[in-house]
């Protein structure tokens, strides 16, 4: 492998990491929304949810986000999504926004969501 190919691969990896990081809601804004009654939606599988989840989180797996209107009728309700790594919740956010929900945000990973909801410092 030559240096040019390696440089392109590294730049691509960094770009994906930065794009993913920029698509996450900030800690302060997420906590503000939680204080105001936001709903936490866990888009992991039912088995993952059963093994470990945030208190009061609603489990709607990524493949079943079309069921969201059965659980959340108000399309102006703030929804804070998370999964194991933040990838599925990012995909779910796009699908949910396409359904007409206007305040949908990705908290990222379960670990980050736990820190946000617990009030722990992320620095």
PDB file of N, CA and C in Angstrom:
ATOM      1  N   UNK A   1       0.855  -1.179   0.000  1.00  0.00           N
ATOM      2  CA  UNK A   1       0.000   0.000   0.000  1.00  0.00           C
ATOM      3  C   UNK A   1       0.898   1.238   0.000  1.00  0.00           C
ATOM      4  N   UNK A   2       0.603   2.173  -0.882  1.00  0.00           N
ATOM      5  CA  UNK A   2       1.413   3.386  -0.941  1.00  0.00           C
ATOM      6  C   UNK A   2       0.872   4.442   0.027  1.00  0.00           C
ATOM      7  N   UNK A   3       1.641   5.511   0.205  1.00  0.00           N
ATOM      8  CA  UNK A   3       1.288   6.562   1.165  1.00  0.00           C
ATOM      9  C   UNK A   3       0.023   7.303   0.782  1.00  0.00           C
ATOM     10  N   UNK A   4      -0.220   7.458  -0.495  1.00  0.00           N
ATOM     11  CA  UNK A   4      -1.417   8.170  -0.940  1.00  0.00           C
ATOM     12  C   UNK A   4      -2.673   7.408  -0.538  1.00  0.00           C
ATOM     13  N   UNK A   5      -2.669   6.113  -0.770  1.00  0.00           N
ATOM     14  CA  UNK A   5      -3.818   5.276  -0.408  1.00  0.00           C
ATOM     15  C   UNK A   5      -4.033   5.309   1.099  1.00  0.00           C
ATOM     16  N   UNK A   6      -2.968   5.185   1.848  1.00  0.00           N
ATOM     17  CA  UNK A   6      -3.064   5.223   3.305  1.00  0.00           C
ATOM     18  C   UNK A   6      -3.609   6.569   3.780  1.00  0.00           C
ATOM     19  N   UNK A   7      -3.152   7.658   3.176  1.00  0.00           N
ATOM     20  CA  UNK A   7      -3.631   8.992   3.561  1.00  0.00           C
ATOM     21  C   UNK A   7      -5.123   9.139   3.262  1.00  0.00           C
ATOM     22  N   UNK A   8      -5.571   8.628   2.127  1.00  0.00           N
ATOM     23  CA  UNK A   8      -6.994   8.707   1.771  1.00  0.00           C
ATOM     24  C   UNK A   8      -7.831   7.912   2.775  1.00  0.00           C
ATOM     25  N   UNK A   9      -7.371   6.747   3.158  1.00  0.00           N
ATOM     26  CA  UNK A   9      -8.089   5.919   4.136  1.00  0.00           C
ATOM     27  C   UNK A   9      -8.177   6.636   5.476  1.00  0.00           C
ATOM     28  N   UNK A  10      -7.087   7.219   5.916  1.00  0.00           N
ATOM     29  CA  UNK A  10      -7.071   7.934   7.197  1.00  0.00           C
ATOM     30  C   UNK A  10      -8.010   9.135   7.160  1.00  0.00           C
ATOM     31  N   UNK A  11      -7.974   9.891   6.079  1.00  0.00           N
ATOM     32  CA  UNK A  11      -8.858  11.054   5.950  1.00  0.00           C
ATOM     33  C   UNK A  11     -10.317  10.610   5.966  1.00  0.00           C
ATOM     34  N   UNK A  12     -10.635   9.516   5.288  1.00  0.00           N
ATOM     35  CA  UNK A  12     -12.014   9.011   5.267  1.00  0.00           C
ATOM     36  C   UNK A  12     -12.465   8.600   6.662  1.00  0.00           C
ATOM     37  N   UNK A  13     -11.619   7.926   7.393  1.00  0.00           N
ATOM     38  CA  UNK A  13     -11.960   7.488   8.751  1.00  0.00           C
ATOM     39  C   UNK A  13     -12.188   8.702   9.654  1.00  0.00           C
ATOM     40  N   UNK A  14     -11.317   9.679   9.567  1.00  0.00           N
ATOM     41  CA  UNK A  14     -11.462  10.893  10.377  1.00  0.00           C
ATOM     42  C   UNK A  14     -12.745  11.633  10.001  1.00  0.00           C
ATOM     43  N   UNK A  15     -13.048  11.708   8.708  1.00  0.00           N
ATOM     44  CA  UNK A  15     -14.264  12.399   8.258  1.00  0.00           C
ATOM     45  C   UNK A  15     -15.516  11.723   8.799  1.00  0.00           C
ATOM     46  N   UNK A  16     -15.565  10.393   8.767  1.00  0.00           N
ATOM     47  CA  UNK A  16     -16.723   9.659   9.299  1.00  0.00           C
ATOM     48  C   UNK A  16     -16.850   9.904  10.793  1.00  0.00           C
ATOM     49  N   UNK A  17     -15.737   9.846  11.504  1.00  0.00           N
ATOM     50  CA  UNK A  17     -15.759  10.089  12.952  1.00  0.00           C
ATOM     51  C   UNK A  17     -16.275  11.490  13.259  1.00  0.00           C
ATOM     52  N   UNK A  18     -15.768  12.496  12.554  1.00  0.00           N
ATOM     53  CA  UNK A  18     -16.198  13.877  12.802  1.00  0.00           C
ATOM     54  C   UNK A  18     -17.657  14.089  12.439  1.00  0.00           C
ATOM     55  N   UNK A  19     -18.106  13.508  11.319  1.00  0.00           N
ATOM     56  CA  UNK A  19     -19.508  13.642  10.925  1.00  0.00           C
ATOM     57  C   UNK A  19     -20.413  13.037  11.998  1.00  0.00           C
ATOM     58  N   UNK A  20     -20.046  11.856  12.487  1.00  0.00           N
ATOM     59  CA  UNK A  20     -20.852  11.202  13.520  1.00  0.00           C
ATOM     60  C   UNK A  20     -20.880  12.060  14.783  1.00  0.00           C
ATOM     61  N   UNK A  21     -19.747  12.583  15.171  1.00  0.00           N
ATOM     62  CA  UNK A  21     -19.647  13.387  16.387  1.00  0.00           C
ATOM     63  C   UNK A  21     -20.467  14.673  16.274  1.00  0.00           C
ATOM     64  N   UNK A  22     -20.445  15.297  15.105  1.00  0.00           N
ATOM     65  CA  UNK A  22     -21.169  16.548  14.907  1.00  0.00           C
ATOM     66  C   UNK A  22     -22.674  16.334  14.871  1.00  0.00           C
ATOM     67  N   UNK A  23     -23.118  15.124  14.587  1.00  0.00           N
ATOM     68  CA  UNK A  23     -24.555  14.877  14.487  1.00  0.00           C
ATOM     69  C   UNK A  23     -25.200  14.600  15.842  1.00  0.00           C
ATOM     70  N   UNK A  24     -24.411  14.574  16.904  1.00  0.00           N
ATOM     71  CA  UNK A  24     -24.941  14.306  18.241  1.00  0.00           C
ATOM     72  C   UNK A  24     -25.413  15.604  18.904  1.00  0.00           C
ATOM     73  N   UNK A  25     -26.489  15.497  19.667  1.00  0.00           N
ATOM     74  CA  UNK A  25     -26.970  16.635  20.441  1.00  0.00           C
ATOM     75  C   UNK A  25     -25.956  16.947  21.540  1.00  0.00           C
ATOM     76  N   UNK A  26     -25.817  18.213  21.875  1.00  0.00           N
ATOM     77  CA  UNK A  26     -24.885  18.577  22.940  1.00  0.00           C
ATOM     78  C   UNK A  26     -25.428  18.106  24.291  1.00  0.00           C
ATOM     79  N   UNK A  27     -24.534  17.907  25.214  1.00  0.00           N
ATOM     80  CA  UNK A  27     -24.905  17.448  26.552  1.00  0.00           C
ATOM     81  C   UNK A  27     -25.837  18.451  27.222  1.00  0.00           C
ATOM     82  N   UNK A  28     -25.489  19.719  27.167  1.00  0.00           N
ATOM     83  CA  UNK A  28     -26.298  20.749  27.838  1.00  0.00           C
ATOM     84  C   UNK A  28     -27.707  20.838  27.262  1.00  0.00           C
ATOM     85  N   UNK A  29     -27.827  20.783  25.942  1.00  0.00           N
ATOM     86  CA  UNK A  29     -29.137  20.873  25.307  1.00  0.00           C
ATOM     87  C   UNK A  29     -29.960  19.622  25.632  1.00  0.00           C
ATOM     88  N   UNK A  30     -29.327  18.451  25.600  1.00  0.00           N
ATOM     89  CA  UNK A  30     -30.045  17.212  25.925  1.00  0.00           C
ATOM     90  C   UNK A  30     -30.575  17.265  27.356  1.00  0.00           C
ATOM     91  N   UNK A  31     -29.759  17.735  28.282  1.00  0.00           N
ATOM     92  CA  UNK A  31     -30.194  17.823  29.679  1.00  0.00           C
ATOM     93  C   UNK A  31     -31.332  18.829  29.844  1.00  0.00           C
ATOM     94  N   UNK A  32     -31.272  19.920  29.108  1.00  0.00           N
ATOM     95  CA  UNK A  32     -32.356  20.908  29.139  1.00  0.00           C
ATOM     96  C   UNK A  32     -33.657  20.254  28.667  1.00  0.00           C
ATOM     97  N   UNK A  33     -33.594  19.540  27.556  1.00  0.00           N
ATOM     98  CA  UNK A  33     -34.787  18.867  27.035  1.00  0.00           C
ATOM     99  C   UNK A  33     -35.308  17.807  28.010  1.00  0.00           C
ATOM    100  N   UNK A  34     -34.413  17.101  28.666  1.00  0.00           N
ATOM    101  CA  UNK A  34     -34.848  16.104  29.653  1.00  0.00           C
ATOM    102  C   UNK A  34     -35.601  16.766  30.795  1.00  0.00           C
ATOM    103  N   UNK A  35     -35.097  17.898  31.268  1.00  0.00           N
ATOM    104  CA  UNK A  35     -35.786  18.635  32.340  1.00  0.00           C
ATOM    105  C   UNK A  35     -37.167  19.101  31.890  1.00  0.00           C
ATOM    106  N   UNK A  36     -37.319  19.338  30.588  1.00  0.00           N
ATOM    107  CA  UNK A  36     -38.586  19.826  30.047  1.00  0.00           C
ATOM    108  C   UNK A  36     -39.526  18.703  29.599  1.00  0.00           C
ATOM    109  N   UNK A  37     -39.143  17.440  29.838  1.00  0.00           N
ATOM    110  CA  UNK A  37     -40.044  16.336  29.537  1.00  0.00           C
ATOM    111  C   UNK A  37     -39.781  15.563  28.261  1.00  0.00           C
ATOM    112  N   UNK A  38     -38.583  15.647  27.736  1.00  0.00           N
ATOM    113  CA  UNK A  38     -38.247  14.874  26.529  1.00  0.00           C
ATOM    114  C   UNK A  38     -38.420  13.379  26.797  1.00  0.00           C
ATOM    115  N   UNK A  39     -38.726  12.649  25.744  1.00  0.00           N
ATOM    116  CA  UNK A  39     -38.845  11.192  25.828  1.00  0.00           C
ATOM    117  C   UNK A  39     -37.555  10.575  25.303  1.00  0.00           C
ATOM    118  N   UNK A  40     -36.991   9.634  26.069  1.00  0.00           N
ATOM    119  CA  UNK A  40     -35.798   8.912  25.648  1.00  0.00           C
ATOM    120  C   UNK A  40     -36.249   7.659  24.911  1.00  0.00           C
ATOM    121  N   UNK A  41     -35.773   7.505  23.674  1.00  0.00           N
ATOM    122  CA  UNK A  41     -36.130   6.355  22.849  1.00  0.00           C
ATOM    123  C   UNK A  41     -34.869   5.540  22.589  1.00  0.00           C
ATOM    124  N   UNK A  42     -34.912   4.280  23.011  1.00  0.00           N
ATOM    125  CA  UNK A  42     -33.823   3.330  22.816  1.00  0.00           C
ATOM    126  C   UNK A  42     -34.152   2.520  21.567  1.00  0.00           C
ATOM    127  N   UNK A  43     -33.345   2.631  20.524  1.00  0.00           N
ATOM    128  CA  UNK A  43     -33.652   1.957  19.264  1.00  0.00           C
ATOM    129  C   UNK A  43     -32.905   0.624  19.116  1.00  0.00           C
ATOM    130  N   UNK A  44     -32.345   0.118  20.197  1.00  0.00           N
ATOM    131  CA  UNK A  44     -31.699  -1.196  20.159  1.00  0.00           C
ATOM    132  C   UNK A  44     -32.758  -2.294  20.131  1.00  0.00           C
ATOM    133  N   UNK A  45     -32.333  -3.520  19.926  1.00  0.00           N
ATOM    134  CA  UNK A  45     -33.264  -4.650  19.900  1.00  0.00           C
ATOM    135  C   UNK A  45     -33.891  -4.851  21.279  1.00  0.00           C
ATOM    136  N   UNK A  46     -34.999  -5.578  21.298  1.00  0.00           N
ATOM    137  CA  UNK A  46     -35.683  -5.861  22.568  1.00  0.00           C
ATOM    138  C   UNK A  46     -34.761  -6.605  23.530  1.00  0.00           C
ATOM    139  N   UNK A  47     -33.948  -7.512  23.012  1.00  0.00           N
ATOM    140  CA  UNK A  47     -33.012  -8.255  23.861  1.00  0.00           C
ATOM    141  C   UNK A  47     -31.957  -7.360  24.470  1.00  0.00           C
ATOM    142  N   UNK A  48     -31.415  -6.445  23.680  1.00  0.00           N
ATOM    143  CA  UNK A  48     -30.427  -5.495  24.195  1.00  0.00           C
ATOM    144  C   UNK A  48     -31.064  -4.604  25.258  1.00  0.00           C
ATOM    145  N   UNK A  49     -32.274  -4.161  24.990  1.00  0.00           N
ATOM    146  CA  UNK A  49     -32.995  -3.304  25.926  1.00  0.00           C
ATOM    147  C   UNK A  49     -33.239  -4.037  27.236  1.00  0.00           C
ATOM    148  N   UNK A  50     -33.648  -5.305  27.134  1.00  0.00           N
ATOM    149  CA  UNK A  50     -33.942  -6.088  28.331  1.00  0.00           C
ATOM    150  C   UNK A  50     -32.684  -6.290  29.173  1.00  0.00           C
ATOM    151  N   UNK A  51     -31.540  -6.431  28.522  1.00  0.00           N
ATOM    152  CA  UNK A  51     -30.284  -6.659  29.246  1.00  0.00           C
ATOM    153  C   UNK A  51     -29.828  -5.420  30.024  1.00  0.00           C
ATOM    154  N   UNK A  52     -30.086  -4.232  29.473  1.00  0.00           N
ATOM    155  CA  UNK A  52     -29.668  -2.985  30.124  1.00  0.00           C
ATOM    156  C   UNK A  52     -30.330  -1.820  29.414  1.00  0.00           C
ATOM    157  N   UNK A  53     -30.915  -0.930  30.176  1.00  0.00           N
ATOM    158  CA  UNK A  53     -31.524   0.253  29.578  1.00  0.00           C
ATOM    159  C   UNK A  53     -31.642   1.381  30.590  1.00  0.00           C
ATOM    160  N   UNK A  54     -31.890   2.561  30.070  1.00  0.00           N
ATOM    161  CA  UNK A  54     -32.081   3.732  30.918  1.00  0.00           C
ATOM    162  C   UNK A  54     -33.465   3.688  31.559  1.00  0.00           C
ATOM    163  N   UNK A  55     -33.581   4.152  32.794  1.00  0.00           N
ATOM    164  CA  UNK A  55     -34.903   4.233  33.413  1.00  0.00           C
ATOM    165  C   UNK A  55     -35.824   5.117  32.571  1.00  0.00           C
ATOM    166  N   UNK A  56     -37.052   4.724  32.440  1.00  0.00           N
ATOM    167  CA  UNK A  56     -38.084   5.471  31.711  1.00  0.00           C
ATOM    168  C   UNK A  56     -37.885   5.538  30.200  1.00  0.00           C
ATOM    169  N   UNK A  57     -36.886   4.848  29.664  1.00  0.00           N
ATOM    170  CA  UNK A  57     -36.696   4.843  28.211  1.00  0.00           C
ATOM    171  C   UNK A  57     -37.771   3.984  27.553  1.00  0.00           C
ATOM    172  N   UNK A  58     -38.138   4.377  26.349  1.00  0.00           N
ATOM    173  CA  UNK A  58     -39.094   3.629  25.538  1.00  0.00           C
ATOM    174  C   UNK A  58     -38.284   2.848  24.513  1.00  0.00           C
ATOM    175  N   UNK A  59     -38.549   1.550  24.381  1.00  0.00           N
ATOM    176  CA  UNK A  59     -37.820   0.728  23.414  1.00  0.00           C
ATOM    177  C   UNK A  59     -38.615   0.595  22.122  1.00  0.00           C
ATOM    178  N   UNK A  60     -38.061   1.164  21.076  1.00  0.00           N
ATOM    179  CA  UNK A  60     -38.613   1.001  19.731  1.00  0.00           C
ATOM    180  C   UNK A  60     -37.428   0.683  18.828  1.00  0.00           C
ATOM    181  N   UNK A  61     -37.200  -0.606  18.552  1.00  0.00           N
ATOM    182  CA  UNK A  61     -36.052  -0.992  17.726  1.00  0.00           C
ATOM    183  C   UNK A  61     -36.052  -0.294  16.366  1.00  0.00           C
ATOM    184  N   UNK A  62     -34.874  -0.091  15.828  1.00  0.00           N
ATOM    185  CA  UNK A  62     -34.710   0.614  14.564  1.00  0.00           C
ATOM    186  C   UNK A  62     -35.653   0.091  13.483  1.00  0.00           C
ATOM    187  N   UNK A  63     -35.773  -1.209  13.355  1.00  0.00           N
ATOM    188  CA  UNK A  63     -36.629  -1.790  12.331  1.00  0.00           C
ATOM    189  C   UNK A  63     -38.117  -1.597  12.569  1.00  0.00           C
ATOM    190  N   UNK A  64     -38.471  -1.047  13.733  1.00  0.00           N
ATOM    191  CA  UNK A  64     -39.876  -0.872  14.091  1.00  0.00           C
ATOM    192  C   UNK A  64     -40.246   0.586  14.360  1.00  0.00           C
ATOM    193  N   UNK A  65     -39.416   1.532  13.895  1.00  0.00           N
ATOM    194  CA  UNK A  65     -39.707   2.943  14.187  1.00  0.00           C
ATOM    195  C   UNK A  65     -41.033   3.404  13.590  1.00  0.00           C
ATOM    196  N   UNK A  66     -41.544   2.667  12.634  1.00  0.00           N
ATOM    197  CA  UNK A  66     -42.862   3.023  12.083  1.00  0.00           C
ATOM    198  C   UNK A  66     -43.967   2.881  13.131  1.00  0.00           C
ATOM    199  N   UNK A  67     -43.685   2.198  14.262  1.00  0.00           N
ATOM    200  CA  UNK A  67     -44.640   2.067  15.371  1.00  0.00           C
ATOM    201  C   UNK A  67     -44.643   3.283  16.294  1.00  0.00           C
ATOM    202  N   UNK A  68     -43.730   4.198  16.090  1.00  0.00           N
ATOM    203  CA  UNK A  68     -43.600   5.350  16.991  1.00  0.00           C
ATOM    204  C   UNK A  68     -44.915   6.106  17.196  1.00  0.00           C
ATOM    205  N   UNK A  69     -45.696   6.369  16.146  1.00  0.00           N
ATOM    206  CA  UNK A  69     -46.947   7.115  16.367  1.00  0.00           C
ATOM    207  C   UNK A  69     -47.925   6.424  17.317  1.00  0.00           C
ATOM    208  N   UNK A  70     -47.784   5.122  17.516  1.00  0.00           N
ATOM    209  CA  UNK A  70     -48.631   4.419  18.486  1.00  0.00           C
ATOM    210  C   UNK A  70     -48.255   4.797  19.910  1.00  0.00           C
ATOM    211  N   UNK A  71     -46.984   5.124  20.124  1.00  0.00           N
ATOM    212  CA  UNK A  71     -46.507   5.452  21.467  1.00  0.00           C
ATOM    213  C   UNK A  71     -46.384   6.956  21.701  1.00  0.00           C
ATOM    214  N   UNK A  72     -46.063   7.705  20.645  1.00  0.00           N
ATOM    215  CA  UNK A  72     -45.880   9.150  20.755  1.00  0.00           C
ATOM    216  C   UNK A  72     -46.707   9.809  19.655  1.00  0.00           C
ATOM    217  N   UNK A  73     -47.860  10.296  20.033  1.00  0.00           N
ATOM    218  CA  UNK A  73     -48.772  10.883  19.043  1.00  0.00           C
ATOM    219  C   UNK A  73     -48.407  12.322  18.673  1.00  0.00           C
ATOM    220  N   UNK A  74     -47.854  13.065  19.617  1.00  0.00           N
ATOM    221  CA  UNK A  74     -47.502  14.470  19.405  1.00  0.00           C
ATOM    222  C   UNK A  74     -46.202  14.568  18.612  1.00  0.00           C
ATOM    223  N   UNK A  75     -46.285  15.035  17.388  1.00  0.00           N
ATOM    224  CA  UNK A  75     -45.104  15.130  16.528  1.00  0.00           C
ATOM    225  C   UNK A  75     -44.200  16.299  16.893  1.00  0.00           C
ATOM    226  N   UNK A  76     -44.605  17.104  17.879  1.00  0.00           N
ATOM    227  CA  UNK A  76     -43.753  18.181  18.386  1.00  0.00           C
ATOM    228  C   UNK A  76     -43.018  17.778  19.667  1.00  0.00           C
ATOM    229  N   UNK A  77     -43.285  16.580  20.159  1.00  0.00           N
ATOM    230  CA  UNK A  77     -42.619  16.068  21.361  1.00  0.00           C
ATOM    231  C   UNK A  77     -41.116  15.935  21.088  1.00  0.00           C
ATOM    232  N   UNK A  78     -40.300  16.351  22.030  1.00  0.00           N
ATOM    233  CA  UNK A  78     -38.852  16.184  21.892  1.00  0.00           C
ATOM    234  C   UNK A  78     -38.507  14.728  22.155  1.00  0.00           C
ATOM    235  N   UNK A  79     -37.774  14.134  21.206  1.00  0.00           N
ATOM    236  CA  UNK A  79     -37.350  12.743  21.305  1.00  0.00           C
ATOM    237  C   UNK A  79     -35.828  12.697  21.316  1.00  0.00           C
ATOM    238  N   UNK A  80     -35.268  12.028  22.324  1.00  0.00           N
ATOM    239  CA  UNK A  80     -33.820  11.851  22.435  1.00  0.00           C
ATOM    240  C   UNK A  80     -33.517  10.376  22.204  1.00  0.00           C
ATOM    241  N   UNK A  81     -32.891  10.065  21.087  1.00  0.00           N
ATOM    242  CA  UNK A  81     -32.638   8.683  20.704  1.00  0.00           C
ATOM    243  C   UNK A  81     -31.236   8.242  21.089  1.00  0.00           C
ATOM    244  N   UNK A  82     -31.105   6.955  21.344  1.00  0.00           N
ATOM    245  CA  UNK A  82     -29.777   6.368  21.544  1.00  0.00           C
ATOM    246  C   UNK A  82     -29.823   4.896  21.179  1.00  0.00           C
ATOM    247  N   UNK A  83     -28.629   4.323  20.998  1.00  0.00           N
ATOM    248  CA  UNK A  83     -28.491   2.880  20.749  1.00  0.00           C
ATOM    249  C   UNK A  83     -27.196   2.443  21.429  1.00  0.00           C
ATOM    250  N   UNK A  84     -26.539   1.429  20.914  1.00  0.00           N
ATOM    251  CA  UNK A  84     -25.303   0.984  21.544  1.00  0.00           C
ATOM    252  C   UNK A  84     -24.134   1.905  21.201  1.00  0.00           C
ATOM    253  N   UNK A  85     -24.044   2.320  19.927  1.00  0.00           N
ATOM    254  CA  UNK A  85     -22.907   3.133  19.500  1.00  0.00           C
ATOM    255  C   UNK A  85     -23.278   4.510  18.980  1.00  0.00           C
ATOM    256  N   UNK A  86     -24.539   4.730  18.651  1.00  0.00           N
ATOM    257  CA  UNK A  86     -24.975   5.987  18.072  1.00  0.00           C
ATOM    258  C   UNK A  86     -25.295   5.891  16.588  1.00  0.00           C
ATOM    259  N   UNK A  87     -24.930   4.774  15.969  1.00  0.00           N
ATOM    260  CA  UNK A  87     -25.173   4.613  14.531  1.00  0.00           C
ATOM    261  C   UNK A  87     -26.642   4.343  14.240  1.00  0.00           C
ATOM    262  N   UNK A  88     -27.230   3.363  14.911  1.00  0.00           N
ATOM    263  CA  UNK A  88     -28.650   3.056  14.686  1.00  0.00           C
ATOM    264  C   UNK A  88     -29.537   4.226  15.081  1.00  0.00           C
ATOM    265  N   UNK A  89     -29.196   4.910  16.172  1.00  0.00           N
ATOM    266  CA  UNK A  89     -30.025   6.042  16.589  1.00  0.00           C
ATOM    267  C   UNK A  89     -29.924   7.184  15.576  1.00  0.00           C
ATOM    268  N   UNK A  90     -28.784   7.344  14.932  1.00  0.00           N
ATOM    269  CA  UNK A  90     -28.662   8.335  13.870  1.00  0.00           C
ATOM    270  C   UNK A  90     -29.542   7.983  12.686  1.00  0.00           C
ATOM    271  N   UNK A  91     -29.556   6.703  12.310  1.00  0.00           N
ATOM    272  CA  UNK A  91     -30.412   6.252  11.217  1.00  0.00           C
ATOM    273  C   UNK A  91     -31.883   6.411  11.587  1.00  0.00           C
ATOM    274  N   UNK A  92     -32.229   6.049  12.817  1.00  0.00           N
ATOM    275  CA  UNK A  92     -33.616   6.169  13.278  1.00  0.00           C
ATOM    276  C   UNK A  92     -34.058   7.629  13.294  1.00  0.00           C
ATOM    277  N   UNK A  93     -33.177   8.524  13.677  1.00  0.00           N
ATOM    278  CA  UNK A  93     -33.529   9.951  13.714  1.00  0.00           C
ATOM    279  C   UNK A  93     -33.961  10.429  12.331  1.00  0.00           C
ATOM    280  N   UNK A  94     -33.232  10.013  11.309  1.00  0.00           N
ATOM    281  CA  UNK A  94     -33.604  10.395   9.950  1.00  0.00           C
ATOM    282  C   UNK A  94     -34.965   9.859   9.552  1.00  0.00           C
ATOM    283  N   UNK A  95     -35.232   8.608   9.904  1.00  0.00           N
ATOM    284  CA  UNK A  95     -36.527   7.998   9.574  1.00  0.00           C
ATOM    285  C   UNK A  95     -37.667   8.683  10.322  1.00  0.00           C
ATOM    286  N   UNK A  96     -37.432   8.989  11.584  1.00  0.00           N
ATOM    287  CA  UNK A  96     -38.478   9.606  12.408  1.00  0.00           C
ATOM    288  C   UNK A  96     -38.759  11.032  11.938  1.00  0.00           C
ATOM    289  N   UNK A  97     -37.725  11.758  11.569  1.00  0.00           N
ATOM    290  CA  UNK A  97     -37.935  13.104  11.024  1.00  0.00           C
ATOM    291  C   UNK A  97     -38.745  13.035   9.737  1.00  0.00           C
ATOM    292  N   UNK A  98     -38.477  12.029   8.913  1.00  0.00           N
ATOM    293  CA  UNK A  98     -39.225  11.857   7.659  1.00  0.00           C
ATOM    294  C   UNK A  98     -40.699  11.536   7.921  1.00  0.00           C
ATOM    295  N   UNK A  99     -41.013  11.044   9.133  1.00  0.00           N
ATOM    296  CA  UNK A  99     -42.398  10.749   9.511  1.00  0.00           C
ATOM    297  C   UNK A  99     -43.124  12.016   9.987  1.00  0.00           C
ATOM    298  N   UNK A 100     -42.398  13.126  10.079  1.00  0.00           N
ATOM    299  CA  UNK A 100     -43.021  14.387  10.465  1.00  0.00           C
ATOM    300  C   UNK A 100     -42.738  14.851  11.878  1.00  0.00           C
ATOM    301  N   UNK A 101     -41.933  14.116  12.631  1.00  0.00           N
ATOM    302  CA  UNK A 101     -41.563  14.556  13.980  1.00  0.00           C
ATOM    303  C   UNK A 101     -40.508  15.655  13.842  1.00  0.00           C
ATOM    304  N   UNK A 102     -40.706  16.753  14.565  1.00  0.00           N
ATOM    305  CA  UNK A 102     -39.864  17.923  14.334  1.00  0.00           C
ATOM    306  C   UNK A 102     -38.710  18.103  15.318  1.00  0.00           C
ATOM    307  N   UNK A 103     -38.739  17.423  16.441  1.00  0.00           N
ATOM    308  CA  UNK A 103     -37.698  17.615  17.464  1.00  0.00           C
ATOM    309  C   UNK A 103     -37.087  16.268  17.833  1.00  0.00           C
ATOM    310  N   UNK A 104     -36.254  15.752  16.950  1.00  0.00           N
ATOM    311  CA  UNK A 104     -35.647  14.431  17.105  1.00  0.00           C
ATOM    312  C   UNK A 104     -34.142  14.607  17.147  1.00  0.00           C
ATOM    313  N   UNK A 105     -33.514  14.057  18.192  1.00  0.00           N
ATOM    314  CA  UNK A 105     -32.078  14.249  18.385  1.00  0.00           C
ATOM    315  C   UNK A 105     -31.402  12.932  18.752  1.00  0.00           C
ATOM    316  N   UNK A 106     -30.165  12.795  18.310  1.00  0.00           N
ATOM    317  CA  UNK A 106     -29.372  11.608  18.587  1.00  0.00           C
ATOM    318  C   UNK A 106     -28.463  11.878  19.786  1.00  0.00           C
ATOM    319  N   UNK A 107     -28.659  11.122  20.875  1.00  0.00           N
ATOM    320  CA  UNK A 107     -27.760  11.230  22.028  1.00  0.00           C
ATOM    321  C   UNK A 107     -26.506  10.398  21.827  1.00  0.00           C
ATOM    322  N   UNK A 108     -26.560   9.436  20.907  1.00  0.00           N
ATOM    323  CA  UNK A 108     -25.383   8.612  20.643  1.00  0.00           C
ATOM    324  C   UNK A 108     -25.464   7.264  21.330  1.00  0.00           C
ATOM    325  N   UNK A 109     -24.373   6.894  21.954  1.00  0.00           N
ATOM    326  CA  UNK A 109     -24.259   5.572  22.567  1.00  0.00           C
ATOM    327  C   UNK A 109     -25.017   5.466  23.888  1.00  0.00           C
ATOM    328  N   UNK A 110     -25.249   4.242  24.298  1.00  0.00           N
ATOM    329  CA  UNK A 110     -25.880   3.993  25.597  1.00  0.00           C
ATOM    330  C   UNK A 110     -25.038   4.606  26.713  1.00  0.00           C
ATOM    331  N   UNK A 111     -23.728   4.443  26.634  1.00  0.00           N
ATOM    332  CA  UNK A 111     -22.855   5.012  27.662  1.00  0.00           C
ATOM    333  C   UNK A 111     -22.965   6.523  27.745  1.00  0.00           C
ATOM    334  N   UNK A 112     -22.995   7.199  26.597  1.00  0.00           N
ATOM    335  CA  UNK A 112     -23.128   8.655  26.577  1.00  0.00           C
ATOM    336  C   UNK A 112     -24.508   9.054  27.098  1.00  0.00           C
ATOM    337  N   UNK A 113     -25.532   8.311  26.693  1.00  0.00           N
ATOM    338  CA  UNK A 113     -26.892   8.608  27.161  1.00  0.00           C
ATOM    339  C   UNK A 113     -26.989   8.436  28.683  1.00  0.00           C
ATOM    340  N   UNK A 114     -26.333   7.422  29.218  1.00  0.00           N
ATOM    341  CA  UNK A 114     -26.329   7.223  30.672  1.00  0.00           C
ATOM    342  C   UNK A 114     -25.674   8.403  31.383  1.00  0.00           C
ATOM    343  N   UNK A 115     -24.562   8.882  30.831  1.00  0.00           N
ATOM    344  CA  UNK A 115     -23.876  10.026  31.451  1.00  0.00           C
ATOM    345  C   UNK A 115     -24.731  11.281  31.363  1.00  0.00           C
ATOM    346  N   UNK A 116     -25.404  11.476  30.241  1.00  0.00           N
ATOM    347  CA  UNK A 116     -26.259  12.652  30.078  1.00  0.00           C
ATOM    348  C   UNK A 116     -27.410  12.599  31.088  1.00  0.00           C
ATOM    349  N   UNK A 117     -28.074  11.468  31.178  1.00  0.00           N
ATOM    350  CA  UNK A 117     -29.245  11.367  32.048  1.00  0.00           C
ATOM    351  C   UNK A 117     -28.862  11.326  33.523  1.00  0.00           C
ATOM    352  N   UNK A 118     -27.661  10.907  33.828  1.00  0.00           N
ATOM    353  CA  UNK A 118     -27.240  10.852  35.237  1.00  0.00           C
ATOM    354  C   UNK A 118     -26.716  12.194  35.733  1.00  0.00           C
ATOM    355  N   UNK A 119     -26.379  13.078  34.811  1.00  0.00           N
ATOM    356  CA  UNK A 119     -25.812  14.359  35.203  1.00  0.00           C
ATOM    357  C   UNK A 119     -24.314  14.304  35.371  1.00  0.00           C
ATOM    358  N   UNK A 120     -23.681  13.161  35.040  1.00  0.00           N
ATOM    359  CA  UNK A 120     -22.232  13.041  35.175  1.00  0.00           C
ATOM    360  C   UNK A 120     -21.522  13.967  34.181  1.00  0.00           C
ATOM    361  N   UNK A 121     -20.331  14.375  34.538  1.00  0.00           N
ATOM    362  CA  UNK A 121     -19.524  15.244  33.682  1.00  0.00           C
ATOM    363  C   UNK A 121     -18.883  14.402  32.588  1.00  0.00           C
ATOM    364  N   UNK A 122     -19.010  14.839  31.344  1.00  0.00           N
ATOM    365  CA  UNK A 122     -18.460  14.085  30.219  1.00  0.00           C
ATOM    366  C   UNK A 122     -17.044  14.482  29.880  1.00  0.00           C
ATOM    367  N   UNK A 123     -16.479  15.472  30.532  1.00  0.00           N
ATOM    368  CA  UNK A 123     -15.119  15.930  30.182  1.00  0.00           C
ATOM    369  C   UNK A 123     -14.068  15.071  30.804  1.00  0.00           C
TER     370      UNK A 123
END
